[in-house]
């Protein structure tokens, strides 16, 4: 993957690692679970609308 190495911003990986080390893991896990549940319930709401429309 030479193209990624060619256009890589210096210090970007260090910034991402420091960002994730600053935020506790439990908070990130809660955000992930919240986003997944939001998507699942949105998909279920869409299916329910499509079923009721018929």
Protein backbone atom coordinates (compact mmCIF):
# COMPACT_ATOMS: atom_id res chain seq x y z
CA UNK A 1 0.00 0.00 0.00
CA UNK A 2 2.55 2.52 -1.15
CA UNK A 3 -0.04 5.16 -1.92
CA UNK A 4 -1.02 5.35 1.75
CA UNK A 5 2.60 5.72 2.78
CA UNK A 6 3.23 8.37 0.13
CA UNK A 7 0.37 10.68 1.14
CA UNK A 8 0.44 10.00 4.88
CA UNK A 9 0.34 13.12 7.03
CA UNK A 10 3.24 13.24 9.47
CA UNK A 11 2.08 12.70 13.02
CA UNK A 12 -1.44 11.60 12.09
CA UNK A 13 -1.09 8.15 13.60
CA UNK A 14 0.37 9.60 16.78
CA UNK A 15 -2.58 12.00 17.02
CA UNK A 16 -5.13 9.19 16.63
CA UNK A 17 -3.37 7.01 19.20
CA UNK A 18 -3.18 9.88 21.69
CA UNK A 19 -6.86 10.69 21.11
CA UNK A 20 -7.96 7.14 21.86
CA UNK A 21 -5.70 6.89 24.88
CA UNK A 22 -7.17 10.11 26.30
CA UNK A 23 -10.76 8.86 26.10
CA UNK A 24 -11.61 5.96 28.41
CA UNK A 25 -12.49 2.68 26.74
CA UNK A 26 -15.88 2.46 28.42
CA UNK A 27 -16.97 5.76 26.92
CA UNK A 28 -15.93 4.64 23.44
CA UNK A 29 -17.76 1.35 23.92
CA UNK A 30 -20.90 3.18 25.04
CA UNK A 31 -20.73 5.43 21.97
CA UNK A 32 -20.36 2.42 19.71
CA UNK A 33 -23.29 0.61 21.33
CA UNK A 34 -25.41 3.76 21.05
CA UNK A 35 -24.66 4.16 17.36
CA UNK A 36 -25.39 0.48 16.66
CA UNK A 37 -28.69 0.60 18.54
CA UNK A 38 -29.66 3.82 16.74
CA UNK A 39 -29.04 2.10 13.40
CA UNK A 40 -30.86 -1.09 14.34
CA UNK A 41 -33.95 0.70 15.63
CA UNK A 42 -33.93 2.99 12.59
CA UNK A 43 -33.85 -0.03 10.30
CA UNK A 44 -36.69 -1.66 12.24
CA UNK A 45 -38.75 1.53 12.01
CA UNK A 46 -38.17 1.61 8.24
CA UNK A 47 -39.25 -2.03 7.87
CA UNK A 48 -42.36 -1.37 9.96
CA UNK A 49 -43.28 1.60 7.72
CA UNK A 50 -42.82 -0.50 4.59
CA UNK A 51 -44.98 -3.31 5.99
CA UNK A 52 -47.76 -0.93 7.09
CA UNK A 53 -47.75 0.83 3.73
CA UNK A 54 -48.72 -2.38 1.90
